Amino acid sequence: MNRPSAIITGLGAVSAAGANVPETLESFALGRRSAGPVTLFPTALACPVFECRGVPADPAAPGTRSVTLALRAAGEAIADSGMGNALPSDRVGVCLGTTVACQLNDLDFYTAFRARGSAPMAAVDRFLKGNLAEAVARQVGAAGPCLTVVNACSSGTDAIGIALSWIASGACDAVLAGGADELSRIPYDGFHALSVMSPALCRPFDRDRQGLNLGEGAGVLVMEAPRFASARGRRAAVELRGYGAACDAYHLTAPRPDGSGLEAAIRIALQQSDIDPAAVDFVNAHGTATRDNDKVEGSTLFRVFGAGPSVLSTKGYTGHALGAAGGLEAAFAVLALREGWLPASAGFENQDPEIPLAALRERTPVRRPCAVSTSLAFGGNNAALVFRRRAAREGQP
């Protein structure tokens, strides 16, 4: 059986942890958490968020804030890959996940239209230019397959999985894949109404966790067919070997208590990758810091992997960036394999007796070659990715 494989030649990340990959690494190394009150929209709520600082929120700008974040991460990933402007455009695809994007950031337009029967059309123009994948494809000149995935909080992970299938099928030589999302008043109010937002900094997997903090950002990978990367003499330390998705359709917003959907997604990804659970060094978990998510996810990871791999949630540094979460966390998993170390799971101090594993409390070296990144989403959607660090000889051009 031929196993799918995509070489990860470029990474781009923008979040509250950093405006780029080097700044993100610095935050991870220092345990720095950059959260605070909302500044992007008016609200009476006081729950902290992880905003991307220094990103202009100009309502007259083409596209949306999500597009701006996606373009920043994509630009960094392309530069990291060494492709430059030498893209064979009809063989390069773009697949990006989101949830907010252009849909939820035009409340002023709707308010004005309802009150007066008319409103300035700038918001409509932004909406029409708000398709993430199309915006990025236009900017970089990619003319291959183009898809925006909107599948709640697994969107970025699903987009990367779809990109793997494009490369495995021969439809693309390379794909820009990941996710991007912006903070918006609707999910901020909505998650508060669900009583899952924390009034303090989030504490994924911790006994005393109170809920999630919302965040925003973008994470983009440049994924290439092995033969294509080799032909252009590109070294790459990490490859994507497997993707699994399973919807348990248990509840609109709550995870299935027995974790069977998540377990199925992880096992599908491991089987596709032909990687034994014992080879997995760490899991970058969804880890939202809500009571239900962490209990279900922690128990499921222990059932699949036992006590072997390290477990962490990078949402302690980024907040929950919704459709961008899977893209960011996949980029962080690749980064950890590439750099050889894991950050502490920010906010974790005390093990929950209902969760049979403990998240990392300190910086930890990576010793085994494989990593898993997981996503759980509304509607019972679950997704998982399996990455592998390549042997030195495999990374040579």
Protein backbone atom coordinates (compact mmCIF):
# COMPACT_ATOMS: atom_id res chain seq x y z
CA MET A 1 0.00 0.00 0.00
CA ASN A 2 1.34 3.42 -0.97
CA ARG A 3 1.22 5.74 2.02
CA PRO A 4 0.39 9.40 1.38
CA SER A 5 3.17 11.81 2.24
CA ALA A 6 3.71 15.53 1.97
CA ILE A 7 6.98 17.23 2.80
CA ILE A 8 6.59 20.33 4.99
CA THR A 9 8.99 22.85 3.50
CA GLY A 10 7.60 26.09 4.91
CA LEU A 11 5.87 27.39 8.05
CA GLY A 12 4.06 30.63 8.75
CA ALA A 13 2.34 31.61 11.99
CA VAL A 14 0.82 34.77 13.38
CA SER A 15 -0.99 34.83 16.70
CA ALA A 16 -0.86 36.48 20.10
CA ALA A 17 2.24 34.34 20.70
CA GLY A 18 4.10 36.17 17.94
CA ALA A 19 3.83 37.96 14.61
CA ASN A 20 5.95 35.24 13.01
CA VAL A 21 7.61 31.91 13.78
CA PRO A 22 10.75 33.29 15.52
CA GLU A 23 8.65 35.46 17.85
CA THR A 24 6.42 32.47 18.57
CA LEU A 25 9.42 30.35 19.52
CA GLU A 26 10.57 33.09 21.85
CA SER A 27 7.16 33.17 23.59
CA PHE A 28 7.22 29.39 23.95
CA ALA A 29 10.72 29.44 25.40
CA LEU A 30 9.87 32.19 27.90
CA GLY A 31 6.40 30.92 28.76
CA ARG A 32 5.09 34.33 27.70
CA ARG A 33 1.30 34.74 27.51
CA SER A 34 0.05 37.89 25.79
CA ALA A 35 -3.63 38.16 26.64
CA GLY A 36 -5.77 41.06 27.75
CA PRO A 37 -9.08 42.87 27.35
CA VAL A 38 -10.80 43.08 23.96
CA THR A 39 -9.81 46.16 21.95
CA LEU A 40 -11.23 45.21 18.53
CA PHE A 41 -14.92 45.74 19.30
CA PRO A 42 -17.08 47.19 22.08
CA THR A 43 -18.24 44.77 24.77
CA ALA A 44 -19.41 44.83 28.36
CA LEU A 45 -17.86 41.41 29.00
CA ALA A 46 -14.51 41.19 30.78
CA CYS A 47 -13.12 37.83 29.67
CA PRO A 48 -9.53 38.09 28.36
CA VAL A 49 -8.66 37.34 24.75
CA PHE A 50 -5.47 36.66 22.78
CA GLU A 51 -5.41 39.41 20.13
CA CYS A 52 -2.82 39.73 17.37
CA ARG A 53 -1.21 43.08 18.13
CA GLY A 54 -0.06 45.39 15.37
CA VAL A 55 -2.52 44.11 12.76
CA PRO A 56 -4.46 47.09 11.36
CA ALA A 57 -8.22 46.82 11.81
CA ASP A 58 -9.15 49.07 8.89
CA PRO A 59 -12.81 48.63 7.86
CA ALA A 60 -12.09 50.28 4.51
CA ALA A 61 -9.30 47.86 3.59
CA PRO A 62 -9.95 45.23 0.90
CA GLY A 63 -10.99 41.87 2.30
CA THR A 64 -11.08 41.24 6.04
CA ARG A 65 -8.83 40.96 9.07
CA SER A 66 -8.88 37.18 8.54
CA VAL A 67 -7.52 37.70 5.01
CA THR A 68 -4.78 39.97 6.38
CA LEU A 69 -3.76 37.31 8.92
CA ALA A 70 -3.84 34.55 6.29
CA LEU A 71 -1.70 36.55 3.87
CA ARG A 72 0.89 37.27 6.57
CA ALA A 73 1.22 33.60 7.51
CA ALA A 74 1.23 32.47 3.87
CA GLY A 75 3.94 34.98 2.98
CA GLU A 76 6.15 33.76 5.81
CA ALA A 77 5.56 30.11 4.86
CA ILE A 78 6.45 30.71 1.21
CA ALA A 79 9.62 32.57 2.18
CA ASP A 80 10.55 29.73 4.55
CA SER A 81 10.02 27.19 1.77
CA GLY A 82 12.44 28.97 -0.56
CA MET A 83 9.94 28.95 -3.42
CA GLY A 84 9.86 32.67 -3.96
CA ASN A 85 8.15 33.56 -7.23
CA ALA A 86 9.11 30.31 -8.94
CA LEU A 87 5.73 28.66 -8.33
CA PRO A 88 4.36 26.46 -11.11
CA SER A 89 1.01 28.19 -10.64
CA ASP A 90 -1.33 25.59 -12.15
CA ARG A 91 0.17 22.87 -9.92
CA VAL A 92 -0.03 24.82 -6.64
CA GLY A 93 -3.22 24.63 -4.59
CA VAL A 94 -4.55 26.61 -1.64
CA CYS A 95 -6.70 25.03 1.07
CA LEU A 96 -7.53 27.10 4.17
CA GLY A 97 -9.95 26.64 7.05
CA THR A 98 -11.90 29.30 8.91
CA THR A 99 -15.10 29.90 10.88
CA VAL A 100 -15.50 33.68 11.25
CA ALA A 101 -13.67 35.04 8.18
CA CYS A 102 -16.01 37.31 6.23
CA GLN A 103 -19.28 36.09 7.72
CA LEU A 104 -19.49 37.67 11.16
CA ASN A 105 -17.65 40.96 11.06
CA ASP A 106 -20.21 43.30 9.45
CA LEU A 107 -22.61 43.98 12.32
CA ASP A 108 -22.53 47.74 11.67
CA PHE A 109 -23.76 47.11 8.12
CA TYR A 110 -26.66 44.95 9.29
CA THR A 111 -27.60 47.40 12.03
CA ALA A 112 -27.64 50.34 9.62
CA PHE A 113 -29.54 48.44 6.94
CA ARG A 114 -32.19 47.31 9.41
CA ALA A 115 -32.62 50.83 10.80
CA ARG A 116 -32.60 52.78 7.52
CA GLY A 117 -33.15 50.30 4.72
CA SER A 118 -29.74 51.08 3.26
CA ALA A 119 -26.07 51.11 4.26
CA PRO A 120 -22.66 51.79 2.67
CA MET A 121 -21.66 48.94 0.38
CA ALA A 122 -18.05 48.72 1.59
CA ALA A 123 -19.06 45.84 3.86
CA VAL A 124 -20.48 43.92 0.91
CA ASP A 125 -17.24 44.45 -1.00
CA ARG A 126 -15.28 43.09 1.97
CA PHE A 127 -17.58 40.09 2.12
CA LEU A 128 -17.06 39.31 -1.57
CA LYS A 129 -13.29 39.59 -1.12
CA GLY A 130 -13.34 37.60 2.13
CA ASN A 131 -12.86 34.08 0.75
CA LEU A 132 -9.56 33.15 2.34
CA ALA A 133 -8.32 30.60 -0.16
CA GLU A 134 -9.22 32.78 -3.15
CA ALA A 135 -7.56 35.83 -1.59
CA VAL A 136 -4.32 33.97 -0.88
CA ALA A 137 -4.33 32.25 -4.28
CA ARG A 138 -4.69 35.61 -6.04
CA GLN A 139 -1.87 37.11 -3.98
CA VAL A 140 0.67 34.31 -4.58
CA GLY A 141 -0.38 33.38 -8.12
CA ALA A 142 -1.52 29.85 -7.31
CA ALA A 143 -3.90 28.58 -9.98
CA GLY A 144 -4.40 24.99 -8.82
CA PRO A 145 -7.25 23.67 -6.66
CA CYS A 146 -8.63 26.30 -4.30
CA LEU A 147 -10.88 25.57 -1.32
CA THR A 148 -12.00 27.30 1.87
CA VAL A 149 -13.11 24.81 4.54
CA VAL A 150 -15.69 25.94 7.11
CA ASN A 151 -16.09 23.08 9.57
CA ALA A 152 -16.06 24.84 12.94
CA CYS A 153 -12.93 24.37 15.06
CA SER A 154 -11.53 21.48 13.03
CA SER A 155 -11.45 23.60 9.85
CA GLY A 156 -7.69 24.20 9.75
CA THR A 157 -6.89 20.55 10.44
CA ASP A 158 -9.37 19.38 7.81
CA ALA A 159 -7.87 21.81 5.27
CA ILE A 160 -4.41 20.29 5.82
CA GLY A 161 -5.86 16.80 5.46
CA ILE A 162 -7.53 17.73 2.18
CA ALA A 163 -4.26 19.21 0.95
CA LEU A 164 -2.55 15.90 1.69
CA SER A 165 -5.09 14.13 -0.52
CA TRP A 166 -4.44 16.58 -3.36
CA ILE A 167 -0.73 15.83 -3.23
CA ALA A 168 -1.23 12.08 -2.84
CA SER A 169 -3.58 11.97 -5.85
CA GLY A 170 -1.16 13.90 -8.05
CA ALA A 171 -3.50 16.88 -8.40
CA CYS A 172 -0.87 19.24 -6.94
CA ASP A 173 2.88 19.50 -6.61
CA ALA A 174 2.49 21.87 -3.66
CA VAL A 175 -0.29 23.27 -1.49
CA LEU A 176 -0.54 26.17 0.94
CA ALA A 177 -2.72 24.78 3.71
CA GLY A 178 -3.83 25.77 7.20
CA GLY A 179 -6.32 28.16 8.75
CA ALA A 180 -7.02 31.75 9.69
CA ASP A 181 -9.60 33.49 11.85
CA GLU A 182 -10.20 36.82 13.54
CA LEU A 183 -11.81 37.78 16.81
CA SER A 184 -15.44 38.78 16.47
CA ARG A 185 -18.16 39.93 18.82
CA ILE A 186 -20.58 37.15 17.80
CA PRO A 187 -18.45 34.16 18.91
CA TYR A 188 -17.23 36.18 21.91
CA ASP A 189 -20.82 36.71 23.08
CA GLY A 190 -21.84 33.23 21.96
CA PHE A 191 -19.16 31.33 23.88
CA HIS A 192 -19.95 33.45 26.92
CA ALA A 193 -23.63 32.48 26.58
CA LEU A 194 -22.54 28.83 26.55
CA SER A 195 -20.78 29.47 29.89
CA VAL A 196 -17.46 28.11 28.60
CA MET A 197 -15.33 31.27 28.67
CA SER A 198 -12.90 31.83 31.50
CA PRO A 199 -12.72 35.14 33.40
CA ALA A 200 -8.99 34.49 33.86
CA LEU A 201 -6.20 33.09 31.68
CA CYS A 202 -7.11 29.60 30.46
CA ARG A 203 -5.58 26.50 32.06
CA PRO A 204 -5.79 23.58 29.61
CA PHE A 205 -6.12 20.16 31.32
CA ASP A 206 -5.63 21.70 34.76
CA ARG A 207 -7.78 20.60 37.67
CA ASP A 208 -8.89 24.19 38.28
CA ARG A 209 -9.63 25.21 34.69
CA GLN A 210 -12.59 27.56 34.24
CA GLY A 211 -13.00 27.63 30.47
CA LEU A 212 -11.45 28.90 27.27
CA ASN A 213 -10.05 32.23 26.09
CA LEU A 214 -10.73 33.18 22.49
CA GLY A 215 -7.85 34.09 20.21
CA GLU A 216 -7.11 34.82 16.58
CA GLY A 217 -4.37 34.26 14.05
CA ALA A 218 -3.26 32.16 11.13
CA GLY A 219 -1.09 29.10 10.62
CA VAL A 220 -0.03 28.03 7.13
CA LEU A 221 2.13 25.14 5.89
CA VAL A 222 3.79 24.78 2.51
CA MET A 223 3.26 21.11 1.68
CA GLU A 224 5.05 19.52 -1.28
CA ALA A 225 5.09 16.20 -3.06
CA PRO A 226 8.39 14.47 -2.16
CA ARG A 227 9.49 14.24 -5.79
CA PHE A 228 8.79 17.94 -6.34
CA ALA A 229 10.73 19.04 -3.25
CA SER A 230 13.60 16.76 -4.24
CA ALA A 231 13.66 18.07 -7.81
CA ARG A 232 14.12 21.62 -6.62
CA GLY A 233 16.79 20.57 -4.10
CA ARG A 234 14.77 21.45 -1.04
CA ARG A 235 15.65 20.03 2.35
CA ALA A 236 12.80 19.28 4.72
CA ALA A 237 12.93 17.83 8.20
CA VAL A 238 9.27 16.89 8.65
CA GLU A 239 6.54 15.24 6.62
CA LEU A 240 2.80 14.80 7.04
CA ARG A 241 1.99 11.11 6.91
CA GLY A 242 -1.66 10.75 7.92
CA TYR A 243 -5.02 12.45 8.38
CA GLY A 244 -8.17 11.13 9.99
CA ALA A 245 -11.63 12.62 10.41
CA ALA A 246 -14.72 11.25 12.14
CA CYS A 247 -17.99 12.94 13.03
CA ASP A 248 -19.86 11.40 15.96
CA ALA A 249 -22.83 13.83 15.57
CA TYR A 250 -23.42 13.58 19.31
CA HIS A 251 -24.33 17.18 20.12
CA LEU A 252 -24.35 20.62 18.53
CA THR A 253 -21.66 21.98 20.88
CA ALA A 254 -20.58 19.25 23.33
CA PRO A 255 -18.08 16.43 22.70
CA ARG A 256 -19.29 12.84 22.86
CA PRO A 257 -18.56 11.72 26.45
CA ASP A 258 -16.88 8.46 25.47
CA GLY A 259 -14.59 10.16 22.93
CA SER A 260 -15.30 7.52 20.30
CA GLY A 261 -15.33 10.01 17.41
CA LEU A 262 -11.97 11.47 18.39
CA GLU A 263 -10.51 8.02 18.91
CA ALA A 264 -11.69 6.96 15.44
CA ALA A 265 -10.10 10.04 13.84
CA ILE A 266 -6.76 9.41 15.57
CA ARG A 267 -6.71 5.71 14.70
CA ILE A 268 -7.57 6.44 11.05
CA ALA A 269 -4.66 8.89 10.87
CA LEU A 270 -2.26 6.43 12.50
CA GLN A 271 -3.37 3.61 10.20
CA GLN A 272 -3.01 5.78 7.10
CA SER A 273 0.47 6.82 8.19
CA ASP A 274 1.53 3.27 9.13
CA ILE A 275 2.86 4.65 12.40
CA ASP A 276 2.59 2.79 15.70
CA PRO A 277 1.28 4.78 18.69
CA ALA A 278 4.52 3.91 20.50
CA ALA A 279 6.47 6.01 17.97
CA VAL A 280 4.51 9.16 18.85
CA ASP A 281 6.56 11.52 21.01
CA PHE A 282 3.88 14.10 21.72
CA VAL A 283 0.32 15.18 21.06
CA ASN A 284 -0.45 18.84 20.52
CA ALA A 285 -3.98 18.49 21.83
CA HIS A 286 -7.05 20.59 21.10
CA GLY A 287 -7.00 21.39 24.84
CA THR A 288 -9.53 24.24 25.06
CA ALA A 289 -9.54 24.29 28.90
CA THR A 290 -13.29 23.69 29.11
CA ARG A 291 -14.45 21.07 31.60
CA ASP A 292 -15.93 18.71 29.01
CA ASN A 293 -13.37 19.00 26.20
CA ASP A 294 -10.32 18.36 28.34
CA LYS A 295 -11.90 15.48 30.23
CA VAL A 296 -13.02 13.72 27.04
CA GLU A 297 -9.86 14.45 25.09
CA GLY A 298 -7.48 13.54 27.92
CA SER A 299 -9.21 10.22 28.55
CA THR A 300 -9.27 9.40 24.83
CA LEU A 301 -5.58 10.19 24.34
CA PHE A 302 -4.71 7.95 27.28
CA ARG A 303 -6.81 5.15 25.81
CA VAL A 304 -5.06 5.40 22.43
CA PHE A 305 -1.49 6.13 23.54
CA GLY A 306 -1.25 5.25 27.21
CA ALA A 307 1.19 7.29 29.27
CA GLY A 308 3.89 7.26 26.57
CA PRO A 309 3.71 10.57 24.69
CA SER A 310 3.96 14.05 26.11
CA VAL A 311 0.73 16.06 25.93
CA LEU A 312 0.39 19.81 25.71
CA SER A 313 -2.03 22.48 24.58
CA THR A 314 -0.60 25.55 22.88
CA LYS A 315 -3.91 27.37 23.39
CA GLY A 316 -2.37 28.65 26.61
CA TYR A 317 -0.25 30.88 24.32
CA THR A 318 -2.72 31.65 21.52
CA GLY A 319 -6.18 31.26 22.97
CA HIS A 320 -8.75 29.30 20.97
CA ALA A 321 -8.44 30.70 17.45
CA LEU A 322 -11.42 28.70 16.13
CA GLY A 323 -10.87 27.86 12.44
CA ALA A 324 -7.24 28.93 12.70
CA ALA A 325 -6.53 26.61 15.64
CA GLY A 326 -5.79 23.52 13.56
CA GLY A 327 -3.47 25.43 11.23
CA LEU A 328 -1.57 27.02 14.09
CA GLU A 329 -1.28 23.82 16.09
CA ALA A 330 -0.13 21.81 13.07
CA ALA A 331 2.55 24.44 12.46
CA PHE A 332 3.58 24.25 16.11
CA ALA A 333 3.79 20.44 15.95
CA VAL A 334 6.05 20.65 12.90
CA LEU A 335 8.09 23.36 14.59
CA ALA A 336 8.62 21.20 17.69
CA LEU A 337 9.82 18.25 15.58
CA ARG A 338 12.08 20.57 13.61
CA GLU A 339 13.54 22.38 16.63
CA GLY A 340 13.69 19.31 18.90
CA TRP A 341 11.86 20.67 21.96
CA LEU A 342 8.39 21.26 23.38
CA PRO A 343 7.24 24.23 25.44
CA ALA A 344 5.49 23.87 28.77
CA SER A 345 1.72 23.65 28.47
CA ALA A 346 0.97 27.19 29.64
CA GLY A 347 -1.48 27.36 32.52
CA PHE A 348 -1.16 23.72 33.59
CA GLU A 349 -0.19 23.19 37.24
CA ASN A 350 -2.38 20.54 38.87
CA GLN A 351 -3.49 17.24 37.40
CA ASP A 352 -7.22 16.66 37.27
CA PRO A 353 -8.08 13.32 38.96
CA GLU A 354 -10.67 12.75 36.21
CA ILE A 355 -7.99 12.96 33.48
CA PRO A 356 -5.47 10.08 33.46
CA LEU A 357 -2.60 12.13 32.06
CA ALA A 358 -0.74 15.33 32.90
CA ALA A 359 0.21 18.06 30.48
CA LEU A 360 3.81 19.28 30.30
CA ARG A 361 4.89 21.58 33.12
CA GLU A 362 8.28 22.48 31.63
CA ARG A 363 10.30 22.61 28.42
CA THR A 364 10.90 19.06 27.23
CA PRO A 365 13.14 17.58 24.51
CA VAL A 366 11.58 15.66 21.62
CA ARG A 367 13.02 12.14 21.56
CA ARG A 368 10.81 10.12 19.22
CA PRO A 369 10.17 10.90 15.55
CA CYS A 370 6.40 11.33 15.37
CA ALA A 371 3.75 13.78 16.56
CA VAL A 372 -0.04 14.05 16.48
CA SER A 373 -2.18 17.19 16.36
CA THR A 374 -5.88 16.87 17.25
CA SER A 375 -8.98 19.02 16.76
CA LEU A 376 -12.48 18.71 18.20
CA ALA A 377 -15.28 20.84 16.78
CA PHE A 378 -18.94 21.71 17.17
CA GLY A 379 -21.30 19.25 15.53
CA GLY A 380 -19.21 16.30 16.70
CA ASN A 381 -16.42 16.85 14.16
CA ASN A 382 -13.04 15.35 15.09
CA ALA A 383 -9.80 15.41 13.12
CA ALA A 384 -6.18 14.36 13.60
CA LEU A 385 -2.87 14.74 11.77
CA VAL A 386 0.27 12.58 12.09
CA PHE A 387 3.67 14.12 11.40
CA ARG A 388 7.04 12.39 11.21
CA ARG A 389 10.55 13.78 11.53
CA ARG A 390 12.56 12.45 8.61
CA ALA A 391 15.91 10.74 8.99
CA ALA A 392 18.92 12.87 8.07
CA ARG A 393 19.42 11.17 4.73
CA GLU A 394 15.72 11.72 3.84
CA GLY A 395 16.09 15.45 4.43
CA GLN A 396 18.88 15.78 1.87
CA PRO A 397 18.06 17.10 -1.59
